[in-house]
């Protein structure tokens, strides 16, 4: 992709809670997650992503999971969660995208 080429999708954080989850990461993890979010703008379903339900997917960045909704009609990716893998990572995932 050239420097002046626009990404295929607009990546947005769905809420202030997601912004806080991103901001609470250690610097190294933060940089890796931001890089993955930028990559999703051009490839919303990269190799290794997993479909959770409907148009909701998740990708792994080490032990961090990024849950996101792919909105093909509006060319937008809405990030609903950025969490370390644990028992609560996927609990209530449906409510993040309502």
PDB file of N, CA and C in Angstrom:
ATOM      1  N   UNK A   1       0.845  -1.172   0.000  1.00  0.00           N
ATOM      2  CA  UNK A   1       0.000   0.000   0.000  1.00  0.00           C
ATOM      3  C   UNK A   1       0.888   1.231   0.000  1.00  0.00           C
ATOM      4  N   UNK A   2       0.582   2.151  -0.877  1.00  0.00           N
ATOM      5  CA  UNK A   2       1.380   3.369  -0.935  1.00  0.00           C
ATOM      6  C   UNK A   2       0.961   4.331   0.176  1.00  0.00           C
ATOM      7  N   UNK A   3       1.770   5.338   0.396  1.00  0.00           N
ATOM      8  CA  UNK A   3       1.558   6.273   1.502  1.00  0.00           C
ATOM      9  C   UNK A   3       0.259   7.067   1.361  1.00  0.00           C
ATOM     10  N   UNK A   4      -0.186   7.351   0.153  1.00  0.00           N
ATOM     11  CA  UNK A   4      -1.394   8.149  -0.012  1.00  0.00           C
ATOM     12  C   UNK A   4      -2.629   7.317  -0.340  1.00  0.00           C
ATOM     13  N   UNK A   5      -2.545   6.001  -0.286  1.00  0.00           N
ATOM     14  CA  UNK A   5      -3.685   5.135  -0.526  1.00  0.00           C
ATOM     15  C   UNK A   5      -4.512   5.013   0.756  1.00  0.00           C
ATOM     16  N   UNK A   6      -5.820   5.142   0.635  1.00  0.00           N
ATOM     17  CA  UNK A   6      -6.711   5.075   1.790  1.00  0.00           C
ATOM     18  C   UNK A   6      -6.959   3.624   2.192  1.00  0.00           C
ATOM     19  N   UNK A   7      -7.069   3.361   3.505  1.00  0.00           N
ATOM     20  CA  UNK A   7      -7.413   2.006   3.941  1.00  0.00           C
ATOM     21  C   UNK A   7      -8.842   1.656   3.516  1.00  0.00           C
ATOM     22  N   UNK A   8      -9.110   0.378   3.373  1.00  0.00           N
ATOM     23  CA  UNK A   8     -10.421  -0.087   2.924  1.00  0.00           C
ATOM     24  C   UNK A   8     -11.498   0.138   3.983  1.00  0.00           C
ATOM     25  N   UNK A   9     -11.136   0.046   5.269  1.00  0.00           N
ATOM     26  CA  UNK A   9     -12.095   0.179   6.363  1.00  0.00           C
ATOM     27  C   UNK A   9     -11.627   1.245   7.349  1.00  0.00           C
ATOM     28  N   UNK A  10     -12.597   1.861   8.011  1.00  0.00           N
ATOM     29  CA  UNK A  10     -12.338   2.819   9.081  1.00  0.00           C
ATOM     30  C   UNK A  10     -12.425   2.048  10.397  1.00  0.00           C
ATOM     31  N   UNK A  11     -11.390   2.084  11.208  1.00  0.00           N
ATOM     32  CA  UNK A  11     -11.377   1.375  12.490  1.00  0.00           C
ATOM     33  C   UNK A  11     -11.748   2.352  13.593  1.00  0.00           C
ATOM     34  N   UNK A  12     -12.777   1.982  14.367  1.00  0.00           N
ATOM     35  CA  UNK A  12     -13.252   2.838  15.457  1.00  0.00           C
ATOM     36  C   UNK A  12     -13.374   2.043  16.743  1.00  0.00           C
ATOM     37  N   UNK A  13     -13.039   2.688  17.837  1.00  0.00           N
ATOM     38  CA  UNK A  13     -13.276   2.091  19.157  1.00  0.00           C
ATOM     39  C   UNK A  13     -14.728   2.386  19.509  1.00  0.00           C
ATOM     40  N   UNK A  14     -15.432   1.379  19.952  1.00  0.00           N
ATOM     41  CA  UNK A  14     -16.874   1.475  20.146  1.00  0.00           C
ATOM     42  C   UNK A  14     -17.286   2.312  21.352  1.00  0.00           C
ATOM     43  N   UNK A  15     -16.439   2.428  22.368  1.00  0.00           N
ATOM     44  CA  UNK A  15     -16.826   3.154  23.586  1.00  0.00           C
ATOM     45  C   UNK A  15     -15.583   3.659  24.317  1.00  0.00           C
ATOM     46  N   UNK A  16     -15.827   4.473  25.332  1.00  0.00           N
ATOM     47  CA  UNK A  16     -14.715   4.943  26.173  1.00  0.00           C
ATOM     48  C   UNK A  16     -14.104   3.788  26.951  1.00  0.00           C
ATOM     49  N   UNK A  17     -14.905   2.768  27.248  1.00  0.00           N
ATOM     50  CA  UNK A  17     -14.392   1.597  27.954  1.00  0.00           C
ATOM     51  C   UNK A  17     -13.313   0.913  27.119  1.00  0.00           C
ATOM     52  N   UNK A  18     -13.531   0.814  25.826  1.00  0.00           N
ATOM     53  CA  UNK A  18     -12.535   0.196  24.942  1.00  0.00           C
ATOM     54  C   UNK A  18     -11.274   1.055  24.910  1.00  0.00           C
ATOM     55  N   UNK A  19     -11.445   2.381  24.894  1.00  0.00           N
ATOM     56  CA  UNK A  19     -10.285   3.280  24.927  1.00  0.00           C
ATOM     57  C   UNK A  19      -9.498   3.077  26.216  1.00  0.00           C
ATOM     58  N   UNK A  20     -10.190   2.913  27.340  1.00  0.00           N
ATOM     59  CA  UNK A  20      -9.503   2.664  28.617  1.00  0.00           C
ATOM     60  C   UNK A  20      -8.779   1.325  28.599  1.00  0.00           C
ATOM     61  N   UNK A  21      -9.403   0.302  27.993  1.00  0.00           N
ATOM     62  CA  UNK A  21      -8.737  -1.000  27.881  1.00  0.00           C
ATOM     63  C   UNK A  21      -7.448  -0.864  27.076  1.00  0.00           C
ATOM     64  N   UNK A  22      -7.493  -0.108  26.013  1.00  0.00           N
ATOM     65  CA  UNK A  22      -6.300   0.112  25.183  1.00  0.00           C
ATOM     66  C   UNK A  22      -5.252   0.903  25.954  1.00  0.00           C
ATOM     67  N   UNK A  23      -5.678   1.969  26.617  1.00  0.00           N
ATOM     68  CA  UNK A  23      -4.739   2.830  27.348  1.00  0.00           C
ATOM     69  C   UNK A  23      -4.090   2.128  28.537  1.00  0.00           C
ATOM     70  N   UNK A  24      -4.751   1.093  29.075  1.00  0.00           N
ATOM     71  CA  UNK A  24      -4.217   0.415  30.262  1.00  0.00           C
ATOM     72  C   UNK A  24      -3.133  -0.616  29.931  1.00  0.00           C
ATOM     73  N   UNK A  25      -2.901  -0.876  28.644  1.00  0.00           N
ATOM     74  CA  UNK A  25      -1.893  -1.862  28.254  1.00  0.00           C
ATOM     75  C   UNK A  25      -0.484  -1.335  28.494  1.00  0.00           C
ATOM     76  N   UNK A  26       0.438  -2.269  28.734  1.00  0.00           N
ATOM     77  CA  UNK A  26       1.851  -1.885  28.804  1.00  0.00           C
ATOM     78  C   UNK A  26       2.269  -1.352  27.440  1.00  0.00           C
ATOM     79  N   UNK A  27       3.314  -0.544  27.415  1.00  0.00           N
ATOM     80  CA  UNK A  27       3.745   0.139  26.184  1.00  0.00           C
ATOM     81  C   UNK A  27       3.995  -0.837  25.036  1.00  0.00           C
ATOM     82  N   UNK A  28       4.691  -1.922  25.298  1.00  0.00           N
ATOM     83  CA  UNK A  28       4.999  -2.880  24.230  1.00  0.00           C
ATOM     84  C   UNK A  28       3.708  -3.503  23.678  1.00  0.00           C
ATOM     85  N   UNK A  29       2.797  -3.885  24.569  1.00  0.00           N
ATOM     86  CA  UNK A  29       1.520  -4.459  24.135  1.00  0.00           C
ATOM     87  C   UNK A  29       0.687  -3.416  23.401  1.00  0.00           C
ATOM     88  N   UNK A  30       0.705  -2.186  23.891  1.00  0.00           N
ATOM     89  CA  UNK A  30      -0.036  -1.098  23.258  1.00  0.00           C
ATOM     90  C   UNK A  30       0.403  -0.935  21.807  1.00  0.00           C
ATOM     91  N   UNK A  31       1.710  -0.899  21.581  1.00  0.00           N
ATOM     92  CA  UNK A  31       2.239  -0.721  20.226  1.00  0.00           C
ATOM     93  C   UNK A  31       1.818  -1.874  19.307  1.00  0.00           C
ATOM     94  N   UNK A  32       1.866  -3.099  19.821  1.00  0.00           N
ATOM     95  CA  UNK A  32       1.478  -4.264  19.017  1.00  0.00           C
ATOM     96  C   UNK A  32      -0.007  -4.249  18.690  1.00  0.00           C
ATOM     97  N   UNK A  33      -0.842  -3.859  19.652  1.00  0.00           N
ATOM     98  CA  UNK A  33      -2.283  -3.811  19.425  1.00  0.00           C
ATOM     99  C   UNK A  33      -2.629  -2.715  18.419  1.00  0.00           C
ATOM    100  N   UNK A  34      -2.029  -1.540  18.552  1.00  0.00           N
ATOM    101  CA  UNK A  34      -2.287  -0.448  17.606  1.00  0.00           C
ATOM    102  C   UNK A  34      -1.865  -0.861  16.192  1.00  0.00           C
ATOM    103  N   UNK A  35      -0.735  -1.543  16.075  1.00  0.00           N
ATOM    104  CA  UNK A  35      -0.290  -2.014  14.763  1.00  0.00           C
ATOM    105  C   UNK A  35      -1.299  -3.002  14.172  1.00  0.00           C
ATOM    106  N   UNK A  36      -1.853  -3.886  15.009  1.00  0.00           N
ATOM    107  CA  UNK A  36      -2.840  -4.856  14.529  1.00  0.00           C
ATOM    108  C   UNK A  36      -4.126  -4.148  14.114  1.00  0.00           C
ATOM    109  N   UNK A  37      -4.533  -3.126  14.874  1.00  0.00           N
ATOM    110  CA  UNK A  37      -5.741  -2.374  14.524  1.00  0.00           C
ATOM    111  C   UNK A  37      -5.562  -1.676  13.167  1.00  0.00           C
ATOM    112  N   UNK A  38      -4.380  -1.118  12.928  1.00  0.00           N
ATOM    113  CA  UNK A  38      -4.106  -0.475  11.636  1.00  0.00           C
ATOM    114  C   UNK A  38      -4.130  -1.500  10.509  1.00  0.00           C
ATOM    115  N   UNK A  39      -3.619  -2.693  10.769  1.00  0.00           N
ATOM    116  CA  UNK A  39      -3.618  -3.747   9.754  1.00  0.00           C
ATOM    117  C   UNK A  39      -5.039  -4.216   9.438  1.00  0.00           C
ATOM    118  N   UNK A  40      -5.922  -4.194  10.447  1.00  0.00           N
ATOM    119  CA  UNK A  40      -7.306  -4.601  10.216  1.00  0.00           C
ATOM    120  C   UNK A  40      -8.017  -3.671   9.233  1.00  0.00           C
ATOM    121  N   UNK A  41      -7.575  -2.432   9.145  1.00  0.00           N
ATOM    122  CA  UNK A  41      -8.193  -1.470   8.229  1.00  0.00           C
ATOM    123  C   UNK A  41      -8.089  -1.935   6.777  1.00  0.00           C
ATOM    124  N   UNK A  42      -7.062  -2.692   6.454  1.00  0.00           N
ATOM    125  CA  UNK A  42      -6.882  -3.183   5.086  1.00  0.00           C
ATOM    126  C   UNK A  42      -7.280  -4.645   4.918  1.00  0.00           C
ATOM    127  N   UNK A  43      -7.299  -5.392   6.005  1.00  0.00           N
ATOM    128  CA  UNK A  43      -7.658  -6.807   5.957  1.00  0.00           C
ATOM    129  C   UNK A  43      -8.459  -7.143   7.211  1.00  0.00           C
ATOM    130  N   UNK A  44      -9.791  -6.977   7.168  1.00  0.00           N
ATOM    131  CA  UNK A  44     -10.599  -7.174   8.369  1.00  0.00           C
ATOM    132  C   UNK A  44     -10.713  -8.628   8.822  1.00  0.00           C
ATOM    133  N   UNK A  45     -10.346  -9.542   7.967  1.00  0.00           N
ATOM    134  CA  UNK A  45     -10.402 -10.962   8.332  1.00  0.00           C
ATOM    135  C   UNK A  45      -9.063 -11.623   8.014  1.00  0.00           C
ATOM    136  N   UNK A  46      -8.016 -11.257   8.767  1.00  0.00           N
ATOM    137  CA  UNK A  46      -6.688 -11.798   8.470  1.00  0.00           C
ATOM    138  C   UNK A  46      -6.587 -13.278   8.838  1.00  0.00           C
ATOM    139  N   UNK A  47      -5.548 -13.902   8.365  1.00  0.00           N
ATOM    140  CA  UNK A  47      -5.305 -15.289   8.736  1.00  0.00           C
ATOM    141  C   UNK A  47      -5.184 -15.371  10.251  1.00  0.00           C
ATOM    142  N   UNK A  48      -5.855 -16.331  10.840  1.00  0.00           N
ATOM    143  CA  UNK A  48      -5.801 -16.502  12.289  1.00  0.00           C
ATOM    144  C   UNK A  48      -6.944 -15.837  13.028  1.00  0.00           C
ATOM    145  N   UNK A  49      -7.760 -15.038  12.335  1.00  0.00           N
ATOM    146  CA  UNK A  49      -8.910 -14.442  13.019  1.00  0.00           C
ATOM    147  C   UNK A  49      -9.957 -15.532  13.199  1.00  0.00           C
ATOM    148  N   UNK A  50     -10.804 -15.363  14.190  1.00  0.00           N
ATOM    149  CA  UNK A  50     -11.836 -16.349  14.461  1.00  0.00           C
ATOM    150  C   UNK A  50     -13.188 -15.654  14.484  1.00  0.00           C
ATOM    151  N   UNK A  51     -14.132 -16.237  13.780  1.00  0.00           N
ATOM    152  CA  UNK A  51     -15.488 -15.697  13.775  1.00  0.00           C
ATOM    153  C   UNK A  51     -16.185 -16.169  15.044  1.00  0.00           C
ATOM    154  N   UNK A  52     -16.682 -15.213  15.852  1.00  0.00           N
ATOM    155  CA  UNK A  52     -17.371 -15.563  17.085  1.00  0.00           C
ATOM    156  C   UNK A  52     -18.853 -15.805  16.815  1.00  0.00           C
ATOM    157  N   UNK A  53     -19.492 -14.896  16.115  1.00  0.00           N
ATOM    158  CA  UNK A  53     -20.872 -15.048  15.646  1.00  0.00           C
ATOM    159  C   UNK A  53     -21.161 -13.918  14.670  1.00  0.00           C
ATOM    160  N   UNK A  54     -22.169 -14.104  13.816  1.00  0.00           N
ATOM    161  CA  UNK A  54     -22.549 -13.116  12.798  1.00  0.00           C
ATOM    162  C   UNK A  54     -21.305 -12.473  12.180  1.00  0.00           C
ATOM    163  N   UNK A  55     -21.175 -11.143  12.304  1.00  0.00           N
ATOM    164  CA  UNK A  55     -20.019 -10.435  11.748  1.00  0.00           C
ATOM    165  C   UNK A  55     -19.022 -10.043  12.823  1.00  0.00           C
ATOM    166  N   UNK A  56     -19.092 -10.691  13.983  1.00  0.00           N
ATOM    167  CA  UNK A  56     -18.178 -10.400  15.083  1.00  0.00           C
ATOM    168  C   UNK A  56     -17.021 -11.394  15.034  1.00  0.00           C
ATOM    169  N   UNK A  57     -15.805 -10.846  15.046  1.00  0.00           N
ATOM    170  CA  UNK A  57     -14.588 -11.659  14.963  1.00  0.00           C
ATOM    171  C   UNK A  57     -13.659 -11.304  16.114  1.00  0.00           C
ATOM    172  N   UNK A  58     -12.605 -12.086  16.242  1.00  0.00           N
ATOM    173  CA  UNK A  58     -11.559 -11.747  17.199  1.00  0.00           C
ATOM    174  C   UNK A  58     -10.215 -12.145  16.613  1.00  0.00           C
ATOM    175  N   UNK A  59      -9.213 -11.348  16.966  1.00  0.00           N
ATOM    176  CA  UNK A  59      -7.838 -11.664  16.594  1.00  0.00           C
ATOM    177  C   UNK A  59      -7.005 -11.696  17.868  1.00  0.00           C
ATOM    178  N   UNK A  60      -5.928 -12.426  17.800  1.00  0.00           N
ATOM    179  CA  UNK A  60      -5.009 -12.544  18.935  1.00  0.00           C
ATOM    180  C   UNK A  60      -3.797 -11.672  18.700  1.00  0.00           C
ATOM    181  N   UNK A  61      -3.344 -11.046  19.784  1.00  0.00           N
ATOM    182  CA  UNK A  61      -2.075 -10.321  19.797  1.00  0.00           C
ATOM    183  C   UNK A  61      -1.394 -10.791  21.076  1.00  0.00           C
ATOM    184  N   UNK A  62      -0.626 -11.870  20.971  1.00  0.00           N
ATOM    185  CA  UNK A  62      -0.052 -12.478  22.171  1.00  0.00           C
ATOM    186  C   UNK A  62      -1.182 -13.032  23.029  1.00  0.00           C
ATOM    187  N   UNK A  63      -1.251 -12.602  24.291  1.00  0.00           N
ATOM    188  CA  UNK A  63      -2.334 -13.070  25.162  1.00  0.00           C
ATOM    189  C   UNK A  63      -3.485 -12.063  25.234  1.00  0.00           C
ATOM    190  N   UNK A  64      -3.498 -11.106  24.322  1.00  0.00           N
ATOM    191  CA  UNK A  64      -4.564 -10.107  24.253  1.00  0.00           C
ATOM    192  C   UNK A  64      -5.496 -10.482  23.108  1.00  0.00           C
ATOM    193  N   UNK A  65      -6.804 -10.316  23.353  1.00  0.00           N
ATOM    194  CA  UNK A  65      -7.804 -10.605  22.343  1.00  0.00           C
ATOM    195  C   UNK A  65      -8.515  -9.315  21.953  1.00  0.00           C
ATOM    196  N   UNK A  66      -8.632  -9.075  20.662  1.00  0.00           N
ATOM    197  CA  UNK A  66      -9.350  -7.914  20.142  1.00  0.00           C
ATOM    198  C   UNK A  66     -10.640  -8.436  19.515  1.00  0.00           C
ATOM    199  N   UNK A  67     -11.779  -8.024  20.075  1.00  0.00           N
ATOM    200  CA  UNK A  67     -13.085  -8.399  19.541  1.00  0.00           C
ATOM    201  C   UNK A  67     -13.607  -7.235  18.719  1.00  0.00           C
ATOM    202  N   UNK A  68     -14.104  -7.530  17.519  1.00  0.00           N
ATOM    203  CA  UNK A  68     -14.549  -6.444  16.651  1.00  0.00           C
ATOM    204  C   UNK A  68     -15.658  -6.896  15.715  1.00  0.00           C
ATOM    205  N   UNK A  69     -16.442  -5.923  15.279  1.00  0.00           N
ATOM    206  CA  UNK A  69     -17.547  -6.128  14.357  1.00  0.00           C
ATOM    207  C   UNK A  69     -17.147  -5.563  12.997  1.00  0.00           C
ATOM    208  N   UNK A  70     -17.340  -6.343  11.941  1.00  0.00           N
ATOM    209  CA  UNK A  70     -17.046  -5.882  10.589  1.00  0.00           C
ATOM    210  C   UNK A  70     -18.362  -5.425   9.961  1.00  0.00           C
ATOM    211  N   UNK A  71     -18.466  -4.132   9.685  1.00  0.00           N
ATOM    212  CA  UNK A  71     -19.646  -3.539   9.056  1.00  0.00           C
ATOM    213  C   UNK A  71     -19.307  -3.272   7.590  1.00  0.00           C
ATOM    214  N   UNK A  72     -19.620  -4.249   6.740  1.00  0.00           N
ATOM    215  CA  UNK A  72     -19.280  -4.157   5.311  1.00  0.00           C
ATOM    216  C   UNK A  72     -19.981  -2.985   4.640  1.00  0.00           C
ATOM    217  N   UNK A  73     -21.253  -2.751   4.984  1.00  0.00           N
ATOM    218  CA  UNK A  73     -22.028  -1.706   4.337  1.00  0.00           C
ATOM    219  C   UNK A  73     -21.439  -0.321   4.521  1.00  0.00           C
ATOM    220  N   UNK A  74     -20.961  -0.019   5.730  1.00  0.00           N
ATOM    221  CA  UNK A  74     -20.388   1.294   6.033  1.00  0.00           C
ATOM    222  C   UNK A  74     -18.868   1.309   5.955  1.00  0.00           C
ATOM    223  N   UNK A  75     -18.282   0.151   5.588  1.00  0.00           N
ATOM    224  CA  UNK A  75     -16.817   0.026   5.510  1.00  0.00           C
ATOM    225  C   UNK A  75     -16.176   0.460   6.825  1.00  0.00           C
ATOM    226  N   UNK A  76     -16.664  -0.157   7.920  1.00  0.00           N
ATOM    227  CA  UNK A  76     -16.196   0.230   9.242  1.00  0.00           C
ATOM    228  C   UNK A  76     -15.948  -1.023  10.083  1.00  0.00           C
ATOM    229  N   UNK A  77     -14.915  -0.932  10.921  1.00  0.00           N
ATOM    230  CA  UNK A  77     -14.629  -1.960  11.915  1.00  0.00           C
ATOM    231  C   UNK A  77     -14.829  -1.307  13.271  1.00  0.00           C
ATOM    232  N   UNK A  78     -15.713  -1.893  14.083  1.00  0.00           N
ATOM    233  CA  UNK A  78     -15.992  -1.357  15.406  1.00  0.00           C
ATOM    234  C   UNK A  78     -15.408  -2.294  16.453  1.00  0.00           C
ATOM    235  N   UNK A  79     -14.423  -1.803  17.184  1.00  0.00           N
ATOM    236  CA  UNK A  79     -13.741  -2.601  18.195  1.00  0.00           C
ATOM    237  C   UNK A  79     -14.565  -2.554  19.475  1.00  0.00           C
ATOM    238  N   UNK A  80     -14.975  -3.729  19.952  1.00  0.00           N
ATOM    239  CA  UNK A  80     -15.817  -3.813  21.144  1.00  0.00           C
ATOM    240  C   UNK A  80     -15.067  -4.205  22.396  1.00  0.00           C
ATOM    241  N   UNK A  81     -13.856  -4.758  22.259  1.00  0.00           N
ATOM    242  CA  UNK A  81     -13.099  -5.156  23.430  1.00  0.00           C
ATOM    243  C   UNK A  81     -11.644  -5.422  23.110  1.00  0.00           C
ATOM    244  N   UNK A  82     -10.781  -5.035  24.046  1.00  0.00           N
ATOM    245  CA  UNK A  82      -9.348  -5.322  23.958  1.00  0.00           C
ATOM    246  C   UNK A  82      -8.976  -5.856  25.334  1.00  0.00           C
ATOM    247  N   UNK A  83      -8.933  -7.176  25.454  1.00  0.00           N
ATOM    248  CA  UNK A  83      -8.778  -7.785  26.782  1.00  0.00           C
ATOM    249  C   UNK A  83      -7.727  -8.886  26.778  1.00  0.00           C
ATOM    250  N   UNK A  84      -7.095  -9.032  27.928  1.00  0.00           N
ATOM    251  CA  UNK A  84      -6.197 -10.175  28.119  1.00  0.00           C
ATOM    252  C   UNK A  84      -7.057 -11.431  28.208  1.00  0.00           C
ATOM    253  N   UNK A  85      -6.538 -12.514  27.716  1.00  0.00           N
ATOM    254  CA  UNK A  85      -7.281 -13.772  27.729  1.00  0.00           C
ATOM    255  C   UNK A  85      -7.505 -14.217  29.165  1.00  0.00           C
ATOM    256  N   UNK A  86      -8.767 -14.409  29.506  1.00  0.00           N
ATOM    257  CA  UNK A  86      -9.146 -14.909  30.828  1.00  0.00           C
ATOM    258  C   UNK A  86     -10.547 -15.498  30.713  1.00  0.00           C
ATOM    259  N   UNK A  87     -11.118 -15.903  31.840  1.00  0.00           N
ATOM    260  CA  UNK A  87     -12.467 -16.455  31.821  1.00  0.00           C
ATOM    261  C   UNK A  87     -13.491 -15.404  31.406  1.00  0.00           C
ATOM    262  N   UNK A  88     -13.242 -14.127  31.709  1.00  0.00           N
ATOM    263  CA  UNK A  88     -14.225 -13.087  31.395  1.00  0.00           C
ATOM    264  C   UNK A  88     -14.057 -12.468  30.002  1.00  0.00           C
ATOM    265  N   UNK A  89     -13.051 -12.884  29.274  1.00  0.00           N
ATOM    266  CA  UNK A  89     -12.773 -12.287  27.969  1.00  0.00           C
ATOM    267  C   UNK A  89     -13.985 -12.335  27.048  1.00  0.00           C
ATOM    268  N   UNK A  90     -14.666 -13.461  26.998  1.00  0.00           N
ATOM    269  CA  UNK A  90     -15.784 -13.626  26.069  1.00  0.00           C
ATOM    270  C   UNK A  90     -17.137 -13.586  26.761  1.00  0.00           C
ATOM    271  N   UNK A  91     -17.147 -13.373  28.067  1.00  0.00           N
ATOM    272  CA  UNK A  91     -18.405 -13.292  28.813  1.00  0.00           C
ATOM    273  C   UNK A  91     -19.163 -12.038  28.411  1.00  0.00           C
ATOM    274  N   UNK A  92     -20.397 -12.184  27.989  1.00  0.00           N
ATOM    275  CA  UNK A  92     -21.213 -11.035  27.602  1.00  0.00           C
ATOM    276  C   UNK A  92     -20.773 -10.376  26.310  1.00  0.00           C
ATOM    277  N   UNK A  93     -20.104 -11.101  25.451  1.00  0.00           N
ATOM    278  CA  UNK A  93     -19.567 -10.511  24.218  1.00  0.00           C
ATOM    279  C   UNK A  93     -20.682  -9.953  23.333  1.00  0.00           C
ATOM    280  N   UNK A  94     -21.844 -10.601  23.346  1.00  0.00           N
ATOM    281  CA  UNK A  94     -22.962 -10.131  22.523  1.00  0.00           C
ATOM    282  C   UNK A  94     -23.378  -8.716  22.915  1.00  0.00           C
ATOM    283  N   UNK A  95     -23.349  -8.413  24.195  1.00  0.00           N
ATOM    284  CA  UNK A  95     -23.799  -7.092  24.660  1.00  0.00           C
ATOM    285  C   UNK A  95     -22.849  -5.969  24.222  1.00  0.00           C
ATOM    286  N   UNK A  96     -21.623  -6.293  23.874  1.00  0.00           N
ATOM    287  CA  UNK A  96     -20.675  -5.271  23.429  1.00  0.00           C
ATOM    288  C   UNK A  96     -21.055  -4.677  22.078  1.00  0.00           C
ATOM    289  N   UNK A  97     -21.836  -5.420  21.309  1.00  0.00           N
ATOM    290  CA  UNK A  97     -22.129  -5.005  19.937  1.00  0.00           C
ATOM    291  C   UNK A  97     -23.601  -4.720  19.690  1.00  0.00           C
ATOM    292  N   UNK A  98     -24.348  -4.401  20.738  1.00  0.00           N
ATOM    293  CA  UNK A  98     -25.772  -4.072  20.572  1.00  0.00           C
ATOM    294  C   UNK A  98     -25.980  -2.586  20.534  1.00  0.00           C
TER     295      UNK A  98
END
